Amino acid sequence: MNEYGFTVKKTDTLRNQVYKDIKSAIIRGKIEPGTRLRENDISKEMGVSRGPIREAILLLEREGLLVTQTHKETMVAKVEKDEVTMLLNPLRVLLESFSIQKNPPASW
């Protein structure tokens, strides 16, 4: 896992460091959808116990970035284009509506 750039920083909790590093690697595409993440591998690379890694994985699962099958493996979630469209279009409409309400055109 060395290519993902996991590092220990002294200014944050271990859980938050692991969480931020994994999330960043997923968002930047360094860890691709479907990639299996192993607590042992991350633990060895970062030089920390599996506890903070397990906690970070739980946070990332709640955000939908990781999927863990019961008693099996954890992997980066696969997101389909249709899912993104279904989420982003309503959000775009809400943002545009809010913007128009806050800044109505001069002709109103």
PDB file of N, CA and C in Angstrom:
ATOM      1  N   MET A   1       0.808  -1.208   0.000  1.00  0.00           N
ATOM      2  CA  MET A   1       0.000   0.000   0.000  1.00  0.00           C
ATOM      3  C   MET A   1       0.844   1.262   0.000  1.00  0.00           C
ATOM      4  N   ASN A   2       2.103   1.151  -0.069  1.00  0.00           N
ATOM      5  CA  ASN A   2       2.985   2.302   0.003  1.00  0.00           C
ATOM      6  C   ASN A   2       2.636   3.405  -0.978  1.00  0.00           C
ATOM      7  N   GLU A   3       2.084   3.036  -2.142  1.00  0.00           N
ATOM      8  CA  GLU A   3       1.795   4.042  -3.151  1.00  0.00           C
ATOM      9  C   GLU A   3       0.690   5.019  -2.748  1.00  0.00           C
ATOM     10  N   TYR A   4      -0.046   4.761  -1.676  1.00  0.00           N
ATOM     11  CA  TYR A   4      -1.126   5.641  -1.273  1.00  0.00           C
ATOM     12  C   TYR A   4      -0.666   6.787  -0.389  1.00  0.00           C
ATOM     13  N   GLY A   5       0.524   6.714   0.149  1.00  0.00           N
ATOM     14  CA  GLY A   5       1.076   7.816   0.918  1.00  0.00           C
ATOM     15  C   GLY A   5       0.589   7.918   2.343  1.00  0.00           C
ATOM     16  N   PHE A   6       0.271   6.805   2.983  1.00  0.00           N
ATOM     17  CA  PHE A   6      -0.141   6.859   4.376  1.00  0.00           C
ATOM     18  C   PHE A   6       1.043   7.244   5.238  1.00  0.00           C
ATOM     19  N   THR A   7       0.856   8.235   6.086  1.00  0.00           N
ATOM     20  CA  THR A   7       1.929   8.697   6.959  1.00  0.00           C
ATOM     21  C   THR A   7       1.356   9.026   8.321  1.00  0.00           C
ATOM     22  N   VAL A   8       2.176   8.921   9.347  1.00  0.00           N
ATOM     23  CA  VAL A   8       1.748   9.275  10.694  1.00  0.00           C
ATOM     24  C   VAL A   8       2.102  10.740  10.953  1.00  0.00           C
ATOM     25  N   LYS A   9       1.091  11.523  11.344  1.00  0.00           N
ATOM     26  CA  LYS A   9       1.302  12.928  11.669  1.00  0.00           C
ATOM     27  C   LYS A   9       1.009  13.109  13.156  1.00  0.00           C
ATOM     28  N   LYS A  10       1.789  13.905  13.830  1.00  0.00           N
ATOM     29  CA  LYS A  10       1.679  14.029  15.283  1.00  0.00           C
ATOM     30  C   LYS A  10       0.586  14.983  15.748  1.00  0.00           C
ATOM     31  N   THR A  11      -0.066  15.722  14.850  1.00  0.00           N
ATOM     32  CA  THR A  11      -1.000  16.767  15.268  1.00  0.00           C
ATOM     33  C   THR A  11      -2.463  16.334  15.307  1.00  0.00           C
ATOM     34  N   ASP A  12      -2.766  15.094  14.981  1.00  0.00           N
ATOM     35  CA  ASP A  12      -4.151  14.653  14.888  1.00  0.00           C
ATOM     36  C   ASP A  12      -4.265  13.271  15.519  1.00  0.00           C
ATOM     37  N   THR A  13      -5.496  12.825  15.803  1.00  0.00           N
ATOM     38  CA  THR A  13      -5.671  11.475  16.330  1.00  0.00           C
ATOM     39  C   THR A  13      -5.323  10.470  15.233  1.00  0.00           C
ATOM     40  N   LEU A  14      -4.932   9.306  15.640  1.00  0.00           N
ATOM     41  CA  LEU A  14      -4.587   8.271  14.662  1.00  0.00           C
ATOM     42  C   LEU A  14      -5.784   7.935  13.778  1.00  0.00           C
ATOM     43  N   ARG A  15      -6.950   7.830  14.384  1.00  0.00           N
ATOM     44  CA  ARG A  15      -8.154   7.519  13.610  1.00  0.00           C
ATOM     45  C   ARG A  15      -8.379   8.558  12.531  1.00  0.00           C
ATOM     46  N   ASN A  16      -8.280   9.836  12.890  1.00  0.00           N
ATOM     47  CA  ASN A  16      -8.500  10.902  11.914  1.00  0.00           C
ATOM     48  C   ASN A  16      -7.446  10.897  10.820  1.00  0.00           C
ATOM     49  N   GLN A  17      -6.203  10.596  11.187  1.00  0.00           N
ATOM     50  CA  GLN A  17      -5.148  10.537  10.170  1.00  0.00           C
ATOM     51  C   GLN A  17      -5.429   9.434   9.161  1.00  0.00           C
ATOM     52  N   VAL A  18      -5.759   8.252   9.670  1.00  0.00           N
ATOM     53  CA  VAL A  18      -6.053   7.124   8.793  1.00  0.00           C
ATOM     54  C   VAL A  18      -7.267   7.449   7.929  1.00  0.00           C
ATOM     55  N   TYR A  19      -8.305   7.989   8.556  1.00  0.00           N
ATOM     56  CA  TYR A  19      -9.527   8.365   7.851  1.00  0.00           C
ATOM     57  C   TYR A  19      -9.222   9.341   6.712  1.00  0.00           C
ATOM     58  N   LYS A  20      -8.499  10.405   7.020  1.00  0.00           N
ATOM     59  CA  LYS A  20      -8.190  11.426   6.013  1.00  0.00           C
ATOM     60  C   LYS A  20      -7.334  10.872   4.886  1.00  0.00           C
ATOM     61  N   ASP A  21      -6.336  10.066   5.238  1.00  0.00           N
ATOM     62  CA  ASP A  21      -5.442   9.513   4.219  1.00  0.00           C
ATOM     63  C   ASP A  21      -6.170   8.558   3.277  1.00  0.00           C
ATOM     64  N   ILE A  22      -6.985   7.670   3.835  1.00  0.00           N
ATOM     65  CA  ILE A  22      -7.721   6.731   2.984  1.00  0.00           C
ATOM     66  C   ILE A  22      -8.736   7.481   2.130  1.00  0.00           C
ATOM     67  N   LYS A  23      -9.470   8.404   2.738  1.00  0.00           N
ATOM     68  CA  LYS A  23     -10.475   9.164   1.994  1.00  0.00           C
ATOM     69  C   LYS A  23      -9.826   9.937   0.847  1.00  0.00           C
ATOM     70  N   SER A  24      -8.727  10.582   1.119  1.00  0.00           N
ATOM     71  CA  SER A  24      -8.015  11.333   0.095  1.00  0.00           C
ATOM     72  C   SER A  24      -7.555  10.409  -1.039  1.00  0.00           C
ATOM     73  N   ALA A  25      -7.029   9.251  -0.693  1.00  0.00           N
ATOM     74  CA  ALA A  25      -6.567   8.313  -1.711  1.00  0.00           C
ATOM     75  C   ALA A  25      -7.719   7.826  -2.581  1.00  0.00           C
ATOM     76  N   ILE A  26      -8.891   7.622  -1.981  1.00  0.00           N
ATOM     77  CA  ILE A  26     -10.065   7.186  -2.745  1.00  0.00           C
ATOM     78  C   ILE A  26     -10.527   8.304  -3.671  1.00  0.00           C
ATOM     79  N   ILE A  27     -10.655   9.504  -3.141  1.00  0.00           N
ATOM     80  CA  ILE A  27     -11.153  10.633  -3.931  1.00  0.00           C
ATOM     81  C   ILE A  27     -10.207  10.973  -5.081  1.00  0.00           C
ATOM     82  N   ARG A  28      -8.910  10.893  -4.829  1.00  0.00           N
ATOM     83  CA  ARG A  28      -7.929  11.196  -5.878  1.00  0.00           C
ATOM     84  C   ARG A  28      -7.767  10.057  -6.869  1.00  0.00           C
ATOM     85  N   GLY A  29      -8.393   8.916  -6.599  1.00  0.00           N
ATOM     86  CA  GLY A  29      -8.303   7.781  -7.503  1.00  0.00           C
ATOM     87  C   GLY A  29      -7.075   6.917  -7.304  1.00  0.00           C
ATOM     88  N   LYS A  30      -6.354   7.141  -6.214  1.00  0.00           N
ATOM     89  CA  LYS A  30      -5.183   6.322  -5.923  1.00  0.00           C
ATOM     90  C   LYS A  30      -5.596   4.918  -5.488  1.00  0.00           C
ATOM     91  N   ILE A  31      -6.769   4.813  -4.882  1.00  0.00           N
ATOM     92  CA  ILE A  31      -7.359   3.512  -4.548  1.00  0.00           C
ATOM     93  C   ILE A  31      -8.645   3.438  -5.357  1.00  0.00           C
ATOM     94  N   GLU A  32      -8.703   2.533  -6.288  1.00  0.00           N
ATOM     95  CA  GLU A  32      -9.823   2.454  -7.222  1.00  0.00           C
ATOM     96  C   GLU A  32     -11.012   1.690  -6.643  1.00  0.00           C
ATOM     97  N   PRO A  33     -12.208   1.966  -7.172  1.00  0.00           N
ATOM     98  CA  PRO A  33     -13.394   1.218  -6.741  1.00  0.00           C
ATOM     99  C   PRO A  33     -13.166  -0.281  -6.896  1.00  0.00           C
ATOM    100  N   GLY A  34     -13.605  -1.024  -5.898  1.00  0.00           N
ATOM    101  CA  GLY A  34     -13.447  -2.473  -5.908  1.00  0.00           C
ATOM    102  C   GLY A  34     -12.166  -2.964  -5.258  1.00  0.00           C
ATOM    103  N   THR A  35     -11.249  -2.043  -4.950  1.00  0.00           N
ATOM    104  CA  THR A  35      -9.993  -2.428  -4.314  1.00  0.00           C
ATOM    105  C   THR A  35     -10.250  -2.885  -2.888  1.00  0.00           C
ATOM    106  N   ARG A  36      -9.664  -4.014  -2.518  1.00  0.00           N
ATOM    107  CA  ARG A  36      -9.798  -4.516  -1.154  1.00  0.00           C
ATOM    108  C   ARG A  36      -8.826  -3.795  -0.237  1.00  0.00           C
ATOM    109  N   LEU A  37      -9.312  -3.396   0.931  1.00  0.00           N
ATOM    110  CA  LEU A  37      -8.457  -2.784   1.949  1.00  0.00           C
ATOM    111  C   LEU A  37      -8.314  -3.766   3.097  1.00  0.00           C
ATOM    112  N   ARG A  38      -7.089  -3.978   3.510  1.00  0.00           N
ATOM    113  CA  ARG A  38      -6.821  -4.913   4.605  1.00  0.00           C
ATOM    114  C   ARG A  38      -6.261  -4.149   5.798  1.00  0.00           C
ATOM    115  N   GLU A  39      -6.897  -4.330   6.935  1.00  0.00           N
ATOM    116  CA  GLU A  39      -6.457  -3.650   8.156  1.00  0.00           C
ATOM    117  C   GLU A  39      -4.987  -3.943   8.439  1.00  0.00           C
ATOM    118  N   ASN A  40      -4.579  -5.187   8.274  1.00  0.00           N
ATOM    119  CA  ASN A  40      -3.184  -5.569   8.554  1.00  0.00           C
ATOM    120  C   ASN A  40      -2.199  -4.795   7.689  1.00  0.00           C
ATOM    121  N   ASP A  41      -2.508  -4.661   6.406  1.00  0.00           N
ATOM    122  CA  ASP A  41      -1.597  -3.946   5.495  1.00  0.00           C
ATOM    123  C   ASP A  41      -1.455  -2.477   5.891  1.00  0.00           C
ATOM    124  N   ILE A  42      -2.588  -1.838   6.155  1.00  0.00           N
ATOM    125  CA  ILE A  42      -2.554  -0.419   6.534  1.00  0.00           C
ATOM    126  C   ILE A  42      -1.843  -0.264   7.875  1.00  0.00           C
ATOM    127  N   SER A  43      -2.113  -1.177   8.795  1.00  0.00           N
ATOM    128  CA  SER A  43      -1.483  -1.141  10.114  1.00  0.00           C
ATOM    129  C   SER A  43       0.037  -1.211  10.003  1.00  0.00           C
ATOM    130  N   LYS A  44       0.522  -2.131   9.197  1.00  0.00           N
ATOM    131  CA  LYS A  44       1.972  -2.284   9.016  1.00  0.00           C
ATOM    132  C   LYS A  44       2.575  -1.043   8.372  1.00  0.00           C
ATOM    133  N   GLU A  45       1.918  -0.522   7.352  1.00  0.00           N
ATOM    134  CA  GLU A  45       2.461   0.640   6.645  1.00  0.00           C
ATOM    135  C   GLU A  45       2.524   1.878   7.528  1.00  0.00           C
ATOM    136  N   MET A  46       1.474   2.091   8.328  1.00  0.00           N
ATOM    137  CA  MET A  46       1.428   3.290   9.170  1.00  0.00           C
ATOM    138  C   MET A  46       2.139   3.094  10.503  1.00  0.00           C
ATOM    139  N   GLY A  47       2.374   1.854  10.861  1.00  0.00           N
ATOM    140  CA  GLY A  47       3.027   1.595  12.133  1.00  0.00           C
ATOM    141  C   GLY A  47       2.132   1.864  13.324  1.00  0.00           C
ATOM    142  N   VAL A  48       0.823   1.622  13.150  1.00  0.00           N
ATOM    143  CA  VAL A  48      -0.148   1.814  14.240  1.00  0.00           C
ATOM    144  C   VAL A  48      -0.968   0.540  14.406  1.00  0.00           C
ATOM    145  N   SER A  49      -1.648   0.451  15.531  1.00  0.00           N
ATOM    146  CA  SER A  49      -2.478  -0.728  15.782  1.00  0.00           C
ATOM    147  C   SER A  49      -3.699  -0.724  14.865  1.00  0.00           C
ATOM    148  N   ARG A  50      -4.394  -1.837  14.830  1.00  0.00           N
ATOM    149  CA  ARG A  50      -5.562  -1.966  13.955  1.00  0.00           C
ATOM    150  C   ARG A  50      -6.782  -1.219  14.492  1.00  0.00           C
ATOM    151  N   GLY A  51      -6.794  -0.852  15.772  1.00  0.00           N
ATOM    152  CA  GLY A  51      -7.951  -0.160  16.348  1.00  0.00           C
ATOM    153  C   GLY A  51      -8.305   1.131  15.630  1.00  0.00           C
ATOM    154  N   PRO A  52      -7.369   2.083  15.491  1.00  0.00           N
ATOM    155  CA  PRO A  52      -7.674   3.328  14.784  1.00  0.00           C
ATOM    156  C   PRO A  52      -8.050   3.094  13.316  1.00  0.00           C
ATOM    157  N   ILE A  53      -7.480   2.068  12.737  1.00  0.00           N
ATOM    158  CA  ILE A  53      -7.795   1.745  11.342  1.00  0.00           C
ATOM    159  C   ILE A  53      -9.226   1.240  11.237  1.00  0.00           C
ATOM    160  N   ARG A  54      -9.602   0.382  12.168  1.00  0.00           N
ATOM    161  CA  ARG A  54     -10.973  -0.135  12.195  1.00  0.00           C
ATOM    162  C   ARG A  54     -11.978   1.003  12.381  1.00  0.00           C
ATOM    163  N   GLU A  55     -11.665   1.956  13.270  1.00  0.00           N
ATOM    164  CA  GLU A  55     -12.549   3.101  13.499  1.00  0.00           C
ATOM    165  C   GLU A  55     -12.672   3.966  12.248  1.00  0.00           C
ATOM    166  N   ALA A  56     -11.558   4.200  11.563  1.00  0.00           N
ATOM    167  CA  ALA A  56     -11.583   4.997  10.337  1.00  0.00           C
ATOM    168  C   ALA A  56     -12.405   4.307   9.256  1.00  0.00           C
ATOM    169  N   ILE A  57     -12.260   2.999   9.163  1.00  0.00           N
ATOM    170  CA  ILE A  57     -13.027   2.241   8.173  1.00  0.00           C
ATOM    171  C   ILE A  57     -14.521   2.368   8.445  1.00  0.00           C
ATOM    172  N   LEU A  58     -14.917   2.320   9.714  1.00  0.00           N
ATOM    173  CA  LEU A  58     -16.330   2.490  10.062  1.00  0.00           C
ATOM    174  C   LEU A  58     -16.849   3.858   9.622  1.00  0.00           C
ATOM    175  N   LEU A  59     -16.057   4.907   9.823  1.00  0.00           N
ATOM    176  CA  LEU A  59     -16.462   6.249   9.378  1.00  0.00           C
ATOM    177  C   LEU A  59     -16.620   6.300   7.861  1.00  0.00           C
ATOM    178  N   LEU A  60     -15.690   5.699   7.157  1.00  0.00           N
ATOM    179  CA  LEU A  60     -15.743   5.702   5.699  1.00  0.00           C
ATOM    180  C   LEU A  60     -16.901   4.857   5.168  1.00  0.00           C
ATOM    181  N   GLU A  61     -17.269   3.820   5.910  1.00  0.00           N
ATOM    182  CA  GLU A  61     -18.453   3.030   5.547  1.00  0.00           C
ATOM    183  C   GLU A  61     -19.710   3.879   5.682  1.00  0.00           C
ATOM    184  N   ARG A  62     -19.798   4.633   6.772  1.00  0.00           N
ATOM    185  CA  ARG A  62     -20.965   5.502   6.995  1.00  0.00           C
ATOM    186  C   ARG A  62     -21.110   6.535   5.889  1.00  0.00           C
ATOM    187  N   GLU A  63     -19.980   6.988   5.353  1.00  0.00           N
ATOM    188  CA  GLU A  63     -20.009   7.962   4.261  1.00  0.00           C
ATOM    189  C   GLU A  63     -20.281   7.304   2.910  1.00  0.00           C
ATOM    190  N   GLY A  64     -20.251   5.989   2.877  1.00  0.00           N
ATOM    191  CA  GLY A  64     -20.514   5.277   1.639  1.00  0.00           C
ATOM    192  C   GLY A  64     -19.301   5.076   0.749  1.00  0.00           C
ATOM    193  N   LEU A  65     -18.116   5.417   1.241  1.00  0.00           N
ATOM    194  CA  LEU A  65     -16.910   5.245   0.434  1.00  0.00           C
ATOM    195  C   LEU A  65     -16.363   3.817   0.485  1.00  0.00           C
ATOM    196  N   LEU A  66     -16.637   3.129   1.582  1.00  0.00           N
ATOM    197  CA  LEU A  66     -16.200   1.738   1.728  1.00  0.00           C
ATOM    198  C   LEU A  66     -17.409   0.852   1.983  1.00  0.00           C
ATOM    199  N   VAL A  67     -17.282  -0.394   1.586  1.00  0.00           N
ATOM    200  CA  VAL A  67     -18.324  -1.391   1.822  1.00  0.00           C
ATOM    201  C   VAL A  67     -17.654  -2.599   2.460  1.00  0.00           C
ATOM    202  N   THR A  68     -18.216  -3.058   3.584  1.00  0.00           N
ATOM    203  CA  THR A  68     -17.690  -4.248   4.239  1.00  0.00           C
ATOM    204  C   THR A  68     -18.767  -5.314   4.252  1.00  0.00           C
ATOM    205  N   GLN A  69     -18.422  -6.478   3.754  1.00  0.00           N
ATOM    206  CA  GLN A  69     -19.325  -7.608   3.814  1.00  0.00           C
ATOM    207  C   GLN A  69     -19.090  -8.294   5.150  1.00  0.00           C
ATOM    208  N   THR A  70     -20.145  -8.659   5.842  1.00  0.00           N
ATOM    209  CA  THR A  70     -20.036  -9.248   7.161  1.00  0.00           C
ATOM    210  C   THR A  70     -19.069 -10.426   7.172  1.00  0.00           C
ATOM    211  N   HIS A  71     -18.102 -10.345   8.085  1.00  0.00           N
ATOM    212  CA  HIS A  71     -17.087 -11.383   8.272  1.00  0.00           C
ATOM    213  C   HIS A  71     -16.280 -11.661   6.998  1.00  0.00           C
ATOM    214  N   LYS A  72     -16.184 -10.669   6.136  1.00  0.00           N
ATOM    215  CA  LYS A  72     -15.420 -10.875   4.907  1.00  0.00           C
ATOM    216  C   LYS A  72     -14.455  -9.719   4.700  1.00  0.00           C
ATOM    217  N   GLU A  73     -14.550  -9.068   3.579  1.00  0.00           N
ATOM    218  CA  GLU A  73     -13.579  -8.061   3.184  1.00  0.00           C
ATOM    219  C   GLU A  73     -14.177  -6.659   3.130  1.00  0.00           C
ATOM    220  N   THR A  74     -13.282  -5.687   3.200  1.00  0.00           N
ATOM    221  CA  THR A  74     -13.667  -4.296   3.033  1.00  0.00           C
ATOM    222  C   THR A  74     -13.114  -3.835   1.700  1.00  0.00           C
ATOM    223  N   MET A  75     -13.958  -3.173   0.923  1.00  0.00           N
ATOM    224  CA  MET A  75     -13.504  -2.694  -0.376  1.00  0.00           C
ATOM    225  C   MET A  75     -14.053  -1.305  -0.658  1.00  0.00           C
ATOM    226  N   VAL A  76     -13.382  -0.621  -1.573  1.00  0.00           N
ATOM    227  CA  VAL A  76     -13.815   0.705  -1.990  1.00  0.00           C
ATOM    228  C   VAL A  76     -15.119   0.535  -2.759  1.00  0.00           C
ATOM    229  N   ALA A  77     -16.115   1.342  -2.398  1.00  0.00           N
ATOM    230  CA  ALA A  77     -17.433   1.244  -3.014  1.00  0.00           C
ATOM    231  C   ALA A  77     -17.376   1.584  -4.501  1.00  0.00           C
ATOM    232  N   LYS A  78     -18.174   0.865  -5.264  1.00  0.00           N
ATOM    233  CA  LYS A  78     -18.319   1.152  -6.690  1.00  0.00           C
ATOM    234  C   LYS A  78     -19.549   2.035  -6.848  1.00  0.00           C
ATOM    235  N   VAL A  79     -19.366   3.170  -7.478  1.00  0.00           N
ATOM    236  CA  VAL A  79     -20.472   4.100  -7.677  1.00  0.00           C
ATOM    237  C   VAL A  79     -20.772   4.173  -9.165  1.00  0.00           C
ATOM    238  N   GLU A  80     -22.005   3.918  -9.504  1.00  0.00           N
ATOM    239  CA  GLU A  80     -22.425   3.956 -10.907  1.00  0.00           C
ATOM    240  C   GLU A  80     -22.759   5.386 -11.316  1.00  0.00           C
ATOM    241  N   LYS A  81     -22.606   5.677 -12.588  1.00  0.00           N
ATOM    242  CA  LYS A  81     -22.877   7.016 -13.119  1.00  0.00           C
ATOM    243  C   LYS A  81     -24.323   7.433 -12.829  1.00  0.00           C
ATOM    244  N   ASP A  82     -25.259   6.502 -12.963  1.00  0.00           N
ATOM    245  CA  ASP A  82     -26.673   6.811 -12.699  1.00  0.00           C
ATOM    246  C   ASP A  82     -26.893   7.234 -11.250  1.00  0.00           C
ATOM    247  N   GLU A  83     -26.170   6.596 -10.320  1.00  0.00           N
ATOM    248  CA  GLU A  83     -26.294   6.951  -8.906  1.00  0.00           C
ATOM    249  C   GLU A  83     -25.828   8.382  -8.661  1.00  0.00           C
ATOM    250  N   VAL A  84     -24.715   8.738  -9.283  1.00  0.00           N
ATOM    251  CA  VAL A  84     -24.184  10.090  -9.128  1.00  0.00           C
ATOM    252  C   VAL A  84     -25.161  11.102  -9.703  1.00  0.00           C
ATOM    253  N   THR A  85     -25.695  10.813 -10.875  1.00  0.00           N
ATOM    254  CA  THR A  85     -26.656  11.719 -11.511  1.00  0.00           C
ATOM    255  C   THR A  85     -27.898  11.892 -10.642  1.00  0.00           C
ATOM    256  N   MET A  86     -28.393  10.786 -10.090  1.00  0.00           N
ATOM    257  CA  MET A  86     -29.592  10.857  -9.247  1.00  0.00           C
ATOM    258  C   MET A  86     -29.354  11.696  -7.995  1.00  0.00           C
ATOM    259  N   LEU A  87     -28.129  11.708  -7.485  1.00  0.00           N
ATOM    260  CA  LEU A  87     -27.807  12.488  -6.295  1.00  0.00           C
ATOM    261  C   LEU A  87     -27.507  13.945  -6.633  1.00  0.00           C
ATOM    262  N   LEU A  88     -26.776  14.167  -7.704  1.00  0.00           N
ATOM    263  CA  LEU A  88     -26.310  15.516  -8.006  1.00  0.00           C
ATOM    264  C   LEU A  88     -27.364  16.413  -8.641  1.00  0.00           C
ATOM    265  N   ASN A  89     -28.239  15.868  -9.469  1.00  0.00           N
ATOM    266  CA  ASN A  89     -29.250  16.716 -10.101  1.00  0.00           C
ATOM    267  C   ASN A  89     -30.168  17.398  -9.087  1.00  0.00           C
ATOM    268  N   PRO A  90     -30.745  16.667  -8.128  1.00  0.00           N
ATOM    269  CA  PRO A  90     -31.578  17.355  -7.127  1.00  0.00           C
ATOM    270  C   PRO A  90     -30.773  18.361  -6.302  1.00  0.00           C
ATOM    271  N   LEU A  91     -29.538  18.040  -6.016  1.00  0.00           N
ATOM    272  CA  LEU A  91     -28.686  18.957  -5.262  1.00  0.00           C
ATOM    273  C   LEU A  91     -28.449  20.235  -6.063  1.00  0.00           C
ATOM    274  N   ARG A  92     -28.189  20.083  -7.349  1.00  0.00           N
ATOM    275  CA  ARG A  92     -27.977  21.242  -8.220  1.00  0.00           C
ATOM    276  C   ARG A  92     -29.215  22.133  -8.240  1.00  0.00           C
ATOM    277  N   VAL A  93     -30.405  21.542  -8.332  1.00  0.00           N
ATOM    278  CA  VAL A  93     -31.652  22.310  -8.343  1.00  0.00           C
ATOM    279  C   VAL A  93     -31.811  23.075  -7.032  1.00  0.00           C
ATOM    280  N   LEU A  94     -31.521  22.415  -5.913  1.00  0.00           N
ATOM    281  CA  LEU A  94     -31.613  23.086  -4.611  1.00  0.00           C
ATOM    282  C   LEU A  94     -30.647  24.265  -4.514  1.00  0.00           C
ATOM    283  N   LEU A  95     -29.423  24.062  -4.947  1.00  0.00           N
ATOM    284  CA  LEU A  95     -28.430  25.138  -4.894  1.00  0.00           C
ATOM    285  C   LEU A  95     -28.802  26.306  -5.798  1.00  0.00           C
ATOM    286  N   GLU A  96     -29.269  26.001  -6.997  1.00  0.00           N
ATOM    287  CA  GLU A  96     -29.670  27.071  -7.914  1.00  0.00           C
ATOM    288  C   GLU A  96     -30.875  27.828  -7.369  1.00  0.00           C
ATOM    289  N   SER A  97     -31.833  27.122  -6.810  1.00  0.00           N
ATOM    290  CA  SER A  97     -33.020  27.777  -6.227  1.00  0.00           C
ATOM    291  C   SER A  97     -32.619  28.685  -5.071  1.00  0.00           C
ATOM    292  N   PHE A  98     -31.739  28.183  -4.220  1.00  0.00           N
ATOM    293  CA  PHE A  98     -31.263  28.967  -3.088  1.00  0.00           C
ATOM    294  C   PHE A  98     -30.541  30.219  -3.580  1.00  0.00           C
ATOM    295  N   SER A  99     -29.708  30.055  -4.582  1.00  0.00           N
ATOM    296  CA  SER A  99     -28.955  31.185  -5.124  1.00  0.00           C
ATOM    297  C   SER A  99     -29.879  32.249  -5.703  1.00  0.00           C
ATOM    298  N   ILE A 100     -30.902  31.814  -6.412  1.00  0.00           N
ATOM    299  CA  ILE A 100     -31.855  32.771  -6.997  1.00  0.00           C
ATOM    300  C   ILE A 100     -32.625  33.503  -5.902  1.00  0.00           C
ATOM    301  N   GLN A 101     -33.002  32.798  -4.850  1.00  0.00           N
ATOM    302  CA  GLN A 101     -33.723  33.433  -3.738  1.00  0.00           C
ATOM    303  C   GLN A 101     -32.857  34.467  -3.018  1.00  0.00           C
ATOM    304  N   LYS A 102     -31.576  34.148  -2.855  1.00  0.00           N
ATOM    305  CA  LYS A 102     -30.671  35.056  -2.154  1.00  0.00           C
ATOM    306  C   LYS A 102     -30.231  36.229  -3.037  1.00  0.00           C
ATOM    307  N   ASN A 103     -30.158  36.000  -4.332  1.00  0.00           N
ATOM    308  CA  ASN A 103     -29.700  37.019  -5.283  1.00  0.00           C
ATOM    309  C   ASN A 103     -30.645  37.085  -6.453  1.00  0.00           C
ATOM    310  N   PRO A 104     -31.857  37.626  -6.274  1.00  0.00           N
ATOM    311  CA  PRO A 104     -32.817  37.653  -7.395  1.00  0.00           C
ATOM    312  C   PRO A 104     -32.308  38.537  -8.520  1.00  0.00           C
ATOM    313  N   PRO A 105     -32.677  38.192  -9.752  1.00  0.00           N
ATOM    314  CA  PRO A 105     -32.277  39.018 -10.883  1.00  0.00           C
ATOM    315  C   PRO A 105     -32.796  40.450 -10.736  1.00  0.00           C
ATOM    316  N   ALA A 106     -32.124  41.412 -11.332  1.00  0.00           N
ATOM    317  CA  ALA A 106     -32.484  42.834 -11.211  1.00  0.00           C
ATOM    318  C   ALA A 106     -33.876  43.133 -11.748  1.00  0.00           C
ATOM    319  N   SER A 107     -34.378  42.312 -12.627  1.00  0.00           N
ATOM    320  CA  SER A 107     -35.695  42.556 -13.232  1.00  0.00           C
ATOM    321  C   SER A 107     -36.855  42.194 -12.307  1.00  0.00           C
ATOM    322  N   TRP A 108     -36.573  41.574 -11.158  1.00  0.00           N
ATOM    323  CA  TRP A 108     -37.656  41.183 -10.244  1.00  0.00           C
ATOM    324  C   TRP A 108     -38.123  42.331  -9.432  1.00  0.00           C
TER     325      TRP A 108
END
